[in-house]
PDB file of N, CA and C in Angstrom:
ATOM      1  N   UNK A   1       8.900 -64.208  79.073  1.00  0.00           N
ATOM      2  CA  UNK A   1       9.403 -65.464  78.539  1.00  0.00           C
ATOM      3  C   UNK A   1       9.940 -65.258  77.111  1.00  0.00           C
ATOM      4  N   UNK A   2       9.176 -64.506  76.288  1.00  0.00           N
ATOM      5  CA  UNK A   2       9.606 -64.254  74.921  1.00  0.00           C
ATOM      6  C   UNK A   2      10.919 -63.477  74.893  1.00  0.00           C
ATOM      7  N   UNK A   3      11.049 -62.495  75.773  1.00  0.00           N
ATOM      8  CA  UNK A   3      12.264 -61.672  75.816  1.00  0.00           C
ATOM      9  C   UNK A   3      13.468 -62.535  76.174  1.00  0.00           C
ATOM     10  N   UNK A   4      13.309 -63.426  77.152  1.00  0.00           N
ATOM     11  CA  UNK A   4      14.402 -64.317  77.555  1.00  0.00           C
ATOM     12  C   UNK A   4      14.787 -65.238  76.396  1.00  0.00           C
ATOM     13  N   UNK A   5      13.800 -65.766  75.689  1.00  0.00           N
ATOM     14  CA  UNK A   5      14.078 -66.628  74.541  1.00  0.00           C
ATOM     15  C   UNK A   5      14.812 -65.850  73.456  1.00  0.00           C
ATOM     16  N   UNK A   6      14.375 -64.620  73.182  1.00  0.00           N
ATOM     17  CA  UNK A   6      15.012 -63.789  72.165  1.00  0.00           C
ATOM     18  C   UNK A   6      16.476 -63.518  72.519  1.00  0.00           C
ATOM     19  N   UNK A   7      16.725 -63.168  73.777  1.00  0.00           N
ATOM     20  CA  UNK A   7      18.092 -62.887  74.228  1.00  0.00           C
ATOM     21  C   UNK A   7      18.960 -64.137  74.116  1.00  0.00           C
ATOM     22  N   UNK A   8      18.420 -65.277  74.553  1.00  0.00           N
ATOM     23  CA  UNK A   8      19.171 -66.529  74.471  1.00  0.00           C
ATOM     24  C   UNK A   8      19.481 -66.892  73.018  1.00  0.00           C
ATOM     25  N   UNK A   9      18.505 -66.704  72.130  1.00  0.00           N
ATOM     26  CA  UNK A   9      18.710 -67.005  70.714  1.00  0.00           C
ATOM     27  C   UNK A   9      19.767 -66.068  70.117  1.00  0.00           C
ATOM     28  N   UNK A  10      19.716 -64.794  70.454  1.00  0.00           N
ATOM     29  CA  UNK A  10      20.697 -63.828  69.940  1.00  0.00           C
ATOM     30  C   UNK A  10      22.105 -64.180  70.419  1.00  0.00           C
ATOM     31  N   UNK A  11      22.224 -64.571  71.683  1.00  0.00           N
ATOM     32  CA  UNK A  11      23.535 -64.961  72.208  1.00  0.00           C
ATOM     33  C   UNK A  11      24.054 -66.215  71.506  1.00  0.00           C
ATOM     34  N   UNK A  12      23.193 -67.193  71.350  1.00  0.00           N
ATOM     35  CA  UNK A  12      23.599 -68.437  70.695  1.00  0.00           C
ATOM     36  C   UNK A  12      24.020 -68.185  69.251  1.00  0.00           C
ATOM     37  N   UNK A  13      23.218 -67.440  68.508  1.00  0.00           N
ATOM     38  CA  UNK A  13      23.553 -67.150  67.115  1.00  0.00           C
ATOM     39  C   UNK A  13      24.835 -66.324  67.031  1.00  0.00           C
ATOM     40  N   UNK A  14      25.021 -65.389  67.953  1.00  0.00           N
ATOM     41  CA  UNK A  14      26.256 -64.598  67.976  1.00  0.00           C
ATOM     42  C   UNK A  14      27.485 -65.470  68.186  1.00  0.00           C
ATOM     43  N   UNK A  15      27.389 -66.422  69.109  1.00  0.00           N
ATOM     44  CA  UNK A  15      28.513 -67.332  69.338  1.00  0.00           C
ATOM     45  C   UNK A  15      28.753 -68.243  68.135  1.00  0.00           C
ATOM     46  N   UNK A  16      27.696 -68.666  67.469  1.00  0.00           N
ATOM     47  CA  UNK A  16      27.851 -69.497  66.274  1.00  0.00           C
ATOM     48  C   UNK A  16      28.553 -68.713  65.166  1.00  0.00           C
ATOM     49  N   UNK A  17      28.115 -67.464  64.934  1.00  0.00           N
ATOM     50  CA  UNK A  17      28.750 -66.626  63.905  1.00  0.00           C
ATOM     51  C   UNK A  17      30.218 -66.400  64.242  1.00  0.00           C
ATOM     52  N   UNK A  18      30.492 -66.074  65.497  1.00  0.00           N
ATOM     53  CA  UNK A  18      31.875 -65.835  65.913  1.00  0.00           C
ATOM     54  C   UNK A  18      32.722 -67.095  65.717  1.00  0.00           C
ATOM     55  N   UNK A  19      32.194 -68.238  66.132  1.00  0.00           N
ATOM     56  CA  UNK A  19      32.947 -69.485  65.999  1.00  0.00           C
ATOM     57  C   UNK A  19      33.216 -69.862  64.555  1.00  0.00           C
ATOM     58  N   UNK A  20      32.184 -69.739  63.723  1.00  0.00           N
ATOM     59  CA  UNK A  20      32.377 -70.062  62.310  1.00  0.00           C
ATOM     60  C   UNK A  20      33.349 -69.098  61.632  1.00  0.00           C
ATOM     61  N   UNK A  21      33.195 -67.813  61.923  1.00  0.00           N
ATOM     62  CA  UNK A  21      34.093 -66.819  61.345  1.00  0.00           C
ATOM     63  C   UNK A  21      35.540 -67.128  61.738  1.00  0.00           C
ATOM     64  N   UNK A  22      35.758 -67.316  63.039  1.00  0.00           N
ATOM     65  CA  UNK A  22      37.118 -67.523  63.537  1.00  0.00           C
ATOM     66  C   UNK A  22      37.698 -68.871  63.119  1.00  0.00           C
ATOM     67  N   UNK A  23      36.855 -69.853  62.856  1.00  0.00           N
ATOM     68  CA  UNK A  23      37.351 -71.163  62.447  1.00  0.00           C
ATOM     69  C   UNK A  23      37.648 -71.223  60.948  1.00  0.00           C
ATOM     70  N   UNK A  24      36.934 -70.453  60.165  1.00  0.00           N
ATOM     71  CA  UNK A  24      37.050 -70.602  58.710  1.00  0.00           C
ATOM     72  C   UNK A  24      37.768 -69.439  58.035  1.00  0.00           C
ATOM     73  N   UNK A  25      37.303 -68.227  58.257  1.00  0.00           N
ATOM     74  CA  UNK A  25      37.779 -67.098  57.460  1.00  0.00           C
ATOM     75  C   UNK A  25      39.238 -66.705  57.668  1.00  0.00           C
ATOM     76  N   UNK A  26      39.788 -66.752  58.879  1.00  0.00           N
ATOM     77  CA  UNK A  26      41.209 -66.405  58.972  1.00  0.00           C
ATOM     78  C   UNK A  26      42.100 -67.339  58.146  1.00  0.00           C
ATOM     79  N   UNK A  27      41.783 -68.629  58.117  1.00  0.00           N
ATOM     80  CA  UNK A  27      42.596 -69.572  57.350  1.00  0.00           C
ATOM     81  C   UNK A  27      42.365 -69.435  55.848  1.00  0.00           C
ATOM     82  N   UNK A  28      41.136 -69.172  55.447  1.00  0.00           N
ATOM     83  CA  UNK A  28      40.810 -69.124  54.026  1.00  0.00           C
ATOM     84  C   UNK A  28      41.135 -67.764  53.411  1.00  0.00           C
ATOM     85  N   UNK A  29      40.725 -66.684  54.085  1.00  0.00           N
ATOM     86  CA  UNK A  29      40.890 -65.344  53.506  1.00  0.00           C
ATOM     87  C   UNK A  29      41.978 -64.506  54.162  1.00  0.00           C
ATOM     88  N   UNK A  30      42.502 -64.977  55.269  1.00  0.00           N
ATOM     89  CA  UNK A  30      43.539 -64.223  55.953  1.00  0.00           C
ATOM     90  C   UNK A  30      43.021 -63.030  56.735  1.00  0.00           C
ATOM     91  N   UNK A  31      41.741 -63.017  57.092  1.00  0.00           N
ATOM     92  CA  UNK A  31      41.182 -61.932  57.885  1.00  0.00           C
ATOM     93  C   UNK A  31      41.440 -62.197  59.364  1.00  0.00           C
ATOM     94  N   UNK A  32      41.246 -61.174  60.182  1.00  0.00           N
ATOM     95  CA  UNK A  32      41.455 -61.323  61.621  1.00  0.00           C
ATOM     96  C   UNK A  32      40.275 -62.033  62.265  1.00  0.00           C
ATOM     97  N   UNK A  33      40.535 -62.627  63.417  1.00  0.00           N
ATOM     98  CA  UNK A  33      39.463 -63.213  64.222  1.00  0.00           C
ATOM     99  C   UNK A  33      38.621 -62.073  64.789  1.00  0.00           C
ATOM    100  N   UNK A  34      37.347 -62.365  65.079  1.00  0.00           N
ATOM    101  CA  UNK A  34      36.452 -61.332  65.599  1.00  0.00           C
ATOM    102  C   UNK A  34      36.029 -61.662  67.021  1.00  0.00           C
ATOM    103  N   UNK A  35      35.554 -60.638  67.716  1.00  0.00           N
ATOM    104  CA  UNK A  35      35.052 -60.824  69.078  1.00  0.00           C
ATOM    105  C   UNK A  35      33.547 -61.101  69.020  1.00  0.00           C
ATOM    106  N   UNK A  36      32.977 -61.448  70.167  1.00  0.00           N
ATOM    107  CA  UNK A  36      31.547 -61.714  70.253  1.00  0.00           C
ATOM    108  C   UNK A  36      30.738 -60.479  69.864  1.00  0.00           C
ATOM    109  N   UNK A  37      31.143 -59.319  70.341  1.00  0.00           N
ATOM    110  CA  UNK A  37      30.432 -58.076  70.022  1.00  0.00           C
ATOM    111  C   UNK A  37      30.491 -57.797  68.521  1.00  0.00           C
ATOM    112  N   UNK A  38      31.625 -58.055  67.888  1.00  0.00           N
ATOM    113  CA  UNK A  38      31.732 -57.870  66.450  1.00  0.00           C
ATOM    114  C   UNK A  38      30.819 -58.851  65.703  1.00  0.00           C
ATOM    115  N   UNK A  39      30.699 -60.075  66.218  1.00  0.00           N
ATOM    116  CA  UNK A  39      29.798 -61.056  65.610  1.00  0.00           C
ATOM    117  C   UNK A  39      28.353 -60.569  65.676  1.00  0.00           C
ATOM    118  N   UNK A  40      27.954 -60.004  66.819  1.00  0.00           N
ATOM    119  CA  UNK A  40      26.601 -59.443  66.930  1.00  0.00           C
ATOM    120  C   UNK A  40      26.416 -58.282  65.953  1.00  0.00           C
ATOM    121  N   UNK A  41      27.455 -57.488  65.768  1.00  0.00           N
ATOM    122  CA  UNK A  41      27.398 -56.386  64.806  1.00  0.00           C
ATOM    123  C   UNK A  41      27.227 -56.888  63.381  1.00  0.00           C
ATOM    124  N   UNK A  42      27.911 -57.970  63.044  1.00  0.00           N
ATOM    125  CA  UNK A  42      27.762 -58.565  61.716  1.00  0.00           C
ATOM    126  C   UNK A  42      26.330 -59.071  61.529  1.00  0.00           C
ATOM    127  N   UNK A  43      25.774 -59.693  62.567  1.00  0.00           N
ATOM    128  CA  UNK A  43      24.387 -60.151  62.489  1.00  0.00           C
ATOM    129  C   UNK A  43      23.425 -58.993  62.266  1.00  0.00           C
ATOM    130  N   UNK A  44      23.610 -57.925  62.995  1.00  0.00           N
ATOM    131  CA  UNK A  44      22.757 -56.744  62.847  1.00  0.00           C
ATOM    132  C   UNK A  44      22.904 -56.139  61.453  1.00  0.00           C
ATOM    133  N   UNK A  45      24.136 -56.044  60.983  1.00  0.00           N
ATOM    134  CA  UNK A  45      24.375 -55.506  59.643  1.00  0.00           C
ATOM    135  C   UNK A  45      23.712 -56.372  58.580  1.00  0.00           C
ATOM    136  N   UNK A  46      23.809 -57.681  58.728  1.00  0.00           N
ATOM    137  CA  UNK A  46      23.167 -58.564  57.749  1.00  0.00           C
ATOM    138  C   UNK A  46      21.647 -58.413  57.785  1.00  0.00           C
ATOM    139  N   UNK A  47      21.097 -58.193  58.973  1.00  0.00           N
ATOM    140  CA  UNK A  47      19.654 -57.968  59.098  1.00  0.00           C
ATOM    141  C   UNK A  47      19.252 -56.694  58.367  1.00  0.00           C
ATOM    142  N   UNK A  48      20.030 -55.647  58.526  1.00  0.00           N
ATOM    143  CA  UNK A  48      19.727 -54.375  57.878  1.00  0.00           C
ATOM    144  C   UNK A  48      19.874 -54.488  56.364  1.00  0.00           C
ATOM    145  N   UNK A  49      20.943 -55.114  55.899  1.00  0.00           N
ATOM    146  CA  UNK A  49      21.215 -55.175  54.468  1.00  0.00           C
ATOM    147  C   UNK A  49      20.352 -56.183  53.725  1.00  0.00           C
ATOM    148  N   UNK A  50      20.103 -57.327  54.346  1.00  0.00           N
ATOM    149  CA  UNK A  50      19.450 -58.415  53.632  1.00  0.00           C
ATOM    150  C   UNK A  50      18.075 -58.780  54.168  1.00  0.00           C
ATOM    151  N   UNK A  51      17.654 -58.210  55.281  1.00  0.00           N
ATOM    152  CA  UNK A  51      16.338 -58.511  55.825  1.00  0.00           C
ATOM    153  C   UNK A  51      16.198 -59.948  56.266  1.00  0.00           C
ATOM    154  N   UNK A  52      17.231 -60.508  56.830  1.00  0.00           N
ATOM    155  CA  UNK A  52      17.216 -61.911  57.241  1.00  0.00           C
ATOM    156  C   UNK A  52      16.451 -62.146  58.523  1.00  0.00           C
ATOM    157  N   UNK A  53      16.594 -63.319  59.093  1.00  0.00           N
ATOM    158  CA  UNK A  53      15.996 -63.741  60.365  1.00  0.00           C
ATOM    159  C   UNK A  53      14.481 -63.800  60.292  1.00  0.00           C
ATOM    160  N   UNK A  54      13.917 -64.056  59.128  1.00  0.00           N
ATOM    161  CA  UNK A  54      12.466 -64.111  59.013  1.00  0.00           C
ATOM    162  C   UNK A  54      11.905 -65.418  59.511  1.00  0.00           C
ATOM    163  N   UNK A  55      12.733 -66.395  59.649  1.00  0.00           N
ATOM    164  CA  UNK A  55      12.274 -67.700  60.090  1.00  0.00           C
ATOM    165  C   UNK A  55      11.711 -68.503  58.938  1.00  0.00           C
ATOM    166  N   UNK A  56      11.764 -69.774  59.081  1.00  0.00           N
ATOM    167  CA  UNK A  56      11.215 -70.658  58.062  1.00  0.00           C
ATOM    168  C   UNK A  56      12.086 -70.712  56.828  1.00  0.00           C
ATOM    169  N   UNK A  57      11.644 -71.503  55.923  1.00  0.00           N
ATOM    170  CA  UNK A  57      12.362 -71.736  54.676  1.00  0.00           C
ATOM    171  C   UNK A  57      11.921 -70.709  53.639  1.00  0.00           C
ATOM    172  N   UNK A  58      12.854 -70.248  52.813  1.00  0.00           N
ATOM    173  CA  UNK A  58      12.516 -69.246  51.799  1.00  0.00           C
ATOM    174  C   UNK A  58      11.483 -69.790  50.816  1.00  0.00           C
ATOM    175  N   UNK A  59      11.606 -71.048  50.444  1.00  0.00           N
ATOM    176  CA  UNK A  59      10.664 -71.650  49.515  1.00  0.00           C
ATOM    177  C   UNK A  59       9.250 -71.658  50.064  1.00  0.00           C
ATOM    178  N   UNK A  60       9.113 -71.904  51.338  1.00  0.00           N
ATOM    179  CA  UNK A  60       7.798 -71.919  51.959  1.00  0.00           C
ATOM    180  C   UNK A  60       7.177 -70.531  51.907  1.00  0.00           C
ATOM    181  N   UNK A  61       7.987 -69.491  52.116  1.00  0.00           N
ATOM    182  CA  UNK A  61       7.493 -68.122  52.004  1.00  0.00           C
ATOM    183  C   UNK A  61       7.036 -67.830  50.590  1.00  0.00           C
ATOM    184  N   UNK A  62       7.754 -68.386  49.592  1.00  0.00           N
ATOM    185  CA  UNK A  62       7.361 -68.227  48.206  1.00  0.00           C
ATOM    186  C   UNK A  62       6.023 -68.883  47.937  1.00  0.00           C
ATOM    187  N   UNK A  63       5.785 -70.039  48.550  1.00  0.00           N
ATOM    188  CA  UNK A  63       4.501 -70.723  48.386  1.00  0.00           C
ATOM    189  C   UNK A  63       3.375 -69.888  48.991  1.00  0.00           C
ATOM    190  N   UNK A  64       3.635 -69.296  50.154  1.00  0.00           N
ATOM    191  CA  UNK A  64       2.623 -68.461  50.794  1.00  0.00           C
ATOM    192  C   UNK A  64       2.305 -67.255  49.916  1.00  0.00           C
ATOM    193  N   UNK A  65       3.330 -66.662  49.327  1.00  0.00           N
ATOM    194  CA  UNK A  65       3.116 -65.519  48.449  1.00  0.00           C
ATOM    195  C   UNK A  65       2.302 -65.933  47.231  1.00  0.00           C
ATOM    196  N   UNK A  66       2.639 -67.099  46.668  1.00  0.00           N
ATOM    197  CA  UNK A  66       1.927 -67.580  45.486  1.00  0.00           C
ATOM    198  C   UNK A  66       0.457 -67.833  45.809  1.00  0.00           C
ATOM    199  N   UNK A  67       0.187 -68.453  46.962  1.00  0.00           N
ATOM    200  CA  UNK A  67      -1.194 -68.718  47.348  1.00  0.00           C
ATOM    201  C   UNK A  67      -1.966 -67.411  47.566  1.00  0.00           C
ATOM    202  N   UNK A  68      -1.292 -66.440  48.191  1.00  0.00           N
ATOM    203  CA  UNK A  68      -1.927 -65.141  48.428  1.00  0.00           C
ATOM    204  C   UNK A  68      -2.264 -64.457  47.104  1.00  0.00           C
ATOM    205  N   UNK A  69      -1.346 -64.536  46.142  1.00  0.00           N
ATOM    206  CA  UNK A  69      -1.591 -63.921  44.836  1.00  0.00           C
ATOM    207  C   UNK A  69      -2.704 -64.646  44.095  1.00  0.00           C
ATOM    208  N   UNK A  70      -2.750 -65.973  44.189  1.00  0.00           N
ATOM    209  CA  UNK A  70      -3.820 -66.719  43.538  1.00  0.00           C
ATOM    210  C   UNK A  70      -5.176 -66.331  44.129  1.00  0.00           C
ATOM    211  N   UNK A  71      -5.211 -66.175  45.443  1.00  0.00           N
ATOM    212  CA  UNK A  71      -6.446 -65.760  46.107  1.00  0.00           C
ATOM    213  C   UNK A  71      -6.859 -64.362  45.646  1.00  0.00           C
ATOM    214  N   UNK A  72      -5.887 -63.471  45.575  1.00  0.00           N
ATOM    215  CA  UNK A  72      -6.169 -62.101  45.153  1.00  0.00           C
ATOM    216  C   UNK A  72      -6.653 -62.062  43.702  1.00  0.00           C
ATOM    217  N   UNK A  73      -5.968 -62.805  42.828  1.00  0.00           N
ATOM    218  CA  UNK A  73      -6.345 -62.830  41.417  1.00  0.00           C
ATOM    219  C   UNK A  73      -7.689 -63.524  41.222  1.00  0.00           C
ATOM    220  N   UNK A  74      -7.999 -64.508  42.062  1.00  0.00           N
ATOM    221  CA  UNK A  74      -9.256 -65.236  41.944  1.00  0.00           C
ATOM    222  C   UNK A  74     -10.465 -64.356  42.185  1.00  0.00           C
ATOM    223  N   UNK A  75     -10.310 -63.331  43.000  1.00  0.00           N
ATOM    224  CA  UNK A  75     -11.419 -62.436  43.306  1.00  0.00           C
ATOM    225  C   UNK A  75     -11.564 -61.277  42.336  1.00  0.00           C
ATOM    226  N   UNK A  76     -10.713 -61.239  41.290  1.00  0.00           N
ATOM    227  CA  UNK A  76     -10.751 -60.131  40.335  1.00  0.00           C
ATOM    228  C   UNK A  76     -11.592 -60.492  39.114  1.00  0.00           C
ATOM    229  N   UNK A  77     -12.176 -59.475  38.520  1.00  0.00           N
ATOM    230  CA  UNK A  77     -12.864 -59.662  37.243  1.00  0.00           C
ATOM    231  C   UNK A  77     -11.791 -59.789  36.154  1.00  0.00           C
ATOM    232  N   UNK A  78     -12.132 -60.313  34.977  1.00  0.00           N
ATOM    233  CA  UNK A  78     -11.148 -60.403  33.888  1.00  0.00           C
ATOM    234  C   UNK A  78     -10.527 -59.045  33.539  1.00  0.00           C
ATOM    235  N   UNK A  79     -11.315 -57.990  33.614  1.00  0.00           N
ATOM    236  CA  UNK A  79     -10.783 -56.648  33.313  1.00  0.00           C
ATOM    237  C   UNK A  79      -9.755 -56.220  34.363  1.00  0.00           C
ATOM    238  N   UNK A  80     -10.054 -56.503  35.634  1.00  0.00           N
ATOM    239  CA  UNK A  80      -9.120 -56.161  36.705  1.00  0.00           C
ATOM    240  C   UNK A  80      -7.824 -56.961  36.575  1.00  0.00           C
ATOM    241  N   UNK A  81      -7.944 -58.241  36.180  1.00  0.00           N
ATOM    242  CA  UNK A  81      -6.749 -59.073  35.982  1.00  0.00           C
ATOM    243  C   UNK A  81      -5.867 -58.500  34.883  1.00  0.00           C
ATOM    244  N   UNK A  82      -6.458 -58.108  33.782  1.00  0.00           N
ATOM    245  CA  UNK A  82      -5.679 -57.544  32.685  1.00  0.00           C
ATOM    246  C   UNK A  82      -5.012 -56.240  33.096  1.00  0.00           C
ATOM    247  N   UNK A  83      -5.727 -55.409  33.839  1.00  0.00           N
ATOM    248  CA  UNK A  83      -5.161 -54.150  34.324  1.00  0.00           C
ATOM    249  C   UNK A  83      -3.978 -54.432  35.263  1.00  0.00           C
ATOM    250  N   UNK A  84      -4.137 -55.413  36.149  1.00  0.00           N
ATOM    251  CA  UNK A  84      -3.078 -55.796  37.088  1.00  0.00           C
ATOM    252  C   UNK A  84      -1.837 -56.289  36.325  1.00  0.00           C
ATOM    253  N   UNK A  85      -2.052 -57.179  35.343  1.00  0.00           N
ATOM    254  CA  UNK A  85      -0.930 -57.697  34.548  1.00  0.00           C
ATOM    255  C   UNK A  85      -0.230 -56.587  33.786  1.00  0.00           C
ATOM    256  N   UNK A  86      -1.016 -55.690  33.199  1.00  0.00           N
ATOM    257  CA  UNK A  86      -0.424 -54.580  32.431  1.00  0.00           C
ATOM    258  C   UNK A  86       0.421 -53.686  33.337  1.00  0.00           C
ATOM    259  N   UNK A  87      -0.059 -53.446  34.549  1.00  0.00           N
ATOM    260  CA  UNK A  87       0.699 -52.602  35.492  1.00  0.00           C
ATOM    261  C   UNK A  87       2.039 -53.241  35.843  1.00  0.00           C
ATOM    262  N   UNK A  88       2.055 -54.560  36.085  1.00  0.00           N
ATOM    263  CA  UNK A  88       3.305 -55.237  36.428  1.00  0.00           C
ATOM    264  C   UNK A  88       4.253 -55.291  35.243  1.00  0.00           C
ATOM    265  N   UNK A  89       3.732 -55.468  34.053  1.00  0.00           N
ATOM    266  CA  UNK A  89       4.592 -55.440  32.865  1.00  0.00           C
ATOM    267  C   UNK A  89       5.224 -54.069  32.707  1.00  0.00           C
ATOM    268  N   UNK A  90       4.430 -53.019  32.973  1.00  0.00           N
ATOM    269  CA  UNK A  90       4.935 -51.651  32.867  1.00  0.00           C
ATOM    270  C   UNK A  90       6.010 -51.389  33.922  1.00  0.00           C
ATOM    271  N   UNK A  91       5.791 -51.883  35.144  1.00  0.00           N
ATOM    272  CA  UNK A  91       6.745 -51.648  36.232  1.00  0.00           C
ATOM    273  C   UNK A  91       8.067 -52.359  35.997  1.00  0.00           C
ATOM    274  N   UNK A  92       8.024 -53.588  35.510  1.00  0.00           N
ATOM    275  CA  UNK A  92       9.240 -54.399  35.419  1.00  0.00           C
ATOM    276  C   UNK A  92      10.063 -54.086  34.189  1.00  0.00           C
ATOM    277  N   UNK A  93       9.480 -54.141  33.013  1.00  0.00           N
ATOM    278  CA  UNK A  93      10.163 -53.810  31.770  1.00  0.00           C
ATOM    279  C   UNK A  93      11.623 -54.212  31.692  1.00  0.00           C
ATOM    280  N   UNK A  94      12.293 -53.866  30.628  1.00  0.00           N
ATOM    281  CA  UNK A  94      13.722 -54.075  30.450  1.00  0.00           C
ATOM    282  C   UNK A  94      14.174 -55.503  30.663  1.00  0.00           C
ATOM    283  N   UNK A  95      15.232 -55.682  31.410  1.00  0.00           N
ATOM    284  CA  UNK A  95      15.868 -56.974  31.597  1.00  0.00           C
ATOM    285  C   UNK A  95      14.964 -57.944  32.327  1.00  0.00           C
ATOM    286  N   UNK A  96      14.048 -57.477  33.153  1.00  0.00           N
ATOM    287  CA  UNK A  96      13.187 -58.359  33.936  1.00  0.00           C
ATOM    288  C   UNK A  96      11.862 -58.640  33.227  1.00  0.00           C
ATOM    289  N   UNK A  97      11.710 -58.146  32.020  1.00  0.00           N
ATOM    290  CA  UNK A  97      10.429 -58.227  31.331  1.00  0.00           C
ATOM    291  C   UNK A  97       9.931 -59.668  31.196  1.00  0.00           C
ATOM    292  N   UNK A  98      10.799 -60.595  30.785  1.00  0.00           N
ATOM    293  CA  UNK A  98      10.367 -61.974  30.591  1.00  0.00           C
ATOM    294  C   UNK A  98       9.894 -62.567  31.916  1.00  0.00           C
ATOM    295  N   UNK A  99      10.637 -62.326  32.993  1.00  0.00           N
ATOM    296  CA  UNK A  99      10.274 -62.855  34.310  1.00  0.00           C
ATOM    297  C   UNK A  99       8.936 -62.299  34.771  1.00  0.00           C
ATOM    298  N   UNK A 100       8.704 -61.028  34.561  1.00  0.00           N
ATOM    299  CA  UNK A 100       7.471 -60.405  35.002  1.00  0.00           C
ATOM    300  C   UNK A 100       6.281 -60.888  34.199  1.00  0.00           C
ATOM    301  N   UNK A 101       6.481 -61.173  32.916  1.00  0.00           N
ATOM    302  CA  UNK A 101       5.388 -61.674  32.108  1.00  0.00           C
ATOM    303  C   UNK A 101       4.974 -63.065  32.557  1.00  0.00           C
ATOM    304  N   UNK A 102       5.927 -63.854  33.075  1.00  0.00           N
ATOM    305  CA  UNK A 102       5.612 -65.200  33.536  1.00  0.00           C
ATOM    306  C   UNK A 102       4.908 -65.171  34.876  1.00  0.00           C
ATOM    307  N   UNK A 103       5.262 -64.248  35.772  1.00  0.00           N
ATOM    308  CA  UNK A 103       4.724 -64.230  37.121  1.00  0.00           C
ATOM    309  C   UNK A 103       3.218 -64.076  37.183  1.00  0.00           C
ATOM    310  N   UNK A 104       2.595 -63.067  36.552  1.00  0.00           N
ATOM    311  CA  UNK A 104       1.144 -62.956  36.647  1.00  0.00           C
ATOM    312  C   UNK A 104       0.423 -64.141  36.007  1.00  0.00           C
ATOM    313  N   UNK A 105       0.953 -64.696  34.913  1.00  0.00           N
ATOM    314  CA  UNK A 105       0.306 -65.808  34.244  1.00  0.00           C
ATOM    315  C   UNK A 105       0.294 -67.039  35.146  1.00  0.00           C
ATOM    316  N   UNK A 106       1.339 -67.200  35.976  1.00  0.00           N
ATOM    317  CA  UNK A 106       1.420 -68.353  36.860  1.00  0.00           C
ATOM    318  C   UNK A 106       0.381 -68.274  37.970  1.00  0.00           C
ATOM    319  N   UNK A 107      -0.141 -67.089  38.250  1.00  0.00           N
ATOM    320  CA  UNK A 107      -1.098 -66.936  39.340  1.00  0.00           C
ATOM    321  C   UNK A 107      -2.532 -67.105  38.888  1.00  0.00           C
ATOM    322  N   UNK A 108      -2.769 -67.233  37.562  1.00  0.00           N
ATOM    323  CA  UNK A 108      -4.151 -67.429  37.072  1.00  0.00           C
ATOM    324  C   UNK A 108      -4.680 -68.779  37.483  1.00  0.00           C
TER     325      UNK A 108
END
């Protein structure tokens, strides 16, 4: 049953990608229309490059990550928390330094 659902979903999404591509991009960008097989290839390429198709909303995944980090930080001693924060500051550094300094503090 799961395999049939997966195949049906892949076919439906492939037709949606093909239809949207062929309806929008040739007129806007002047590219050629694509076939169904090419649409499936674009879907596969996007999965490889961007890790898509995870399901659910991205924000909800962020909430799950935040809750998991709060749980993890809650079980740490103050010394372990400081060591964890120092490691992340060391890893991120440079242009991302401000963002990384905010992330561990938000999980306390």
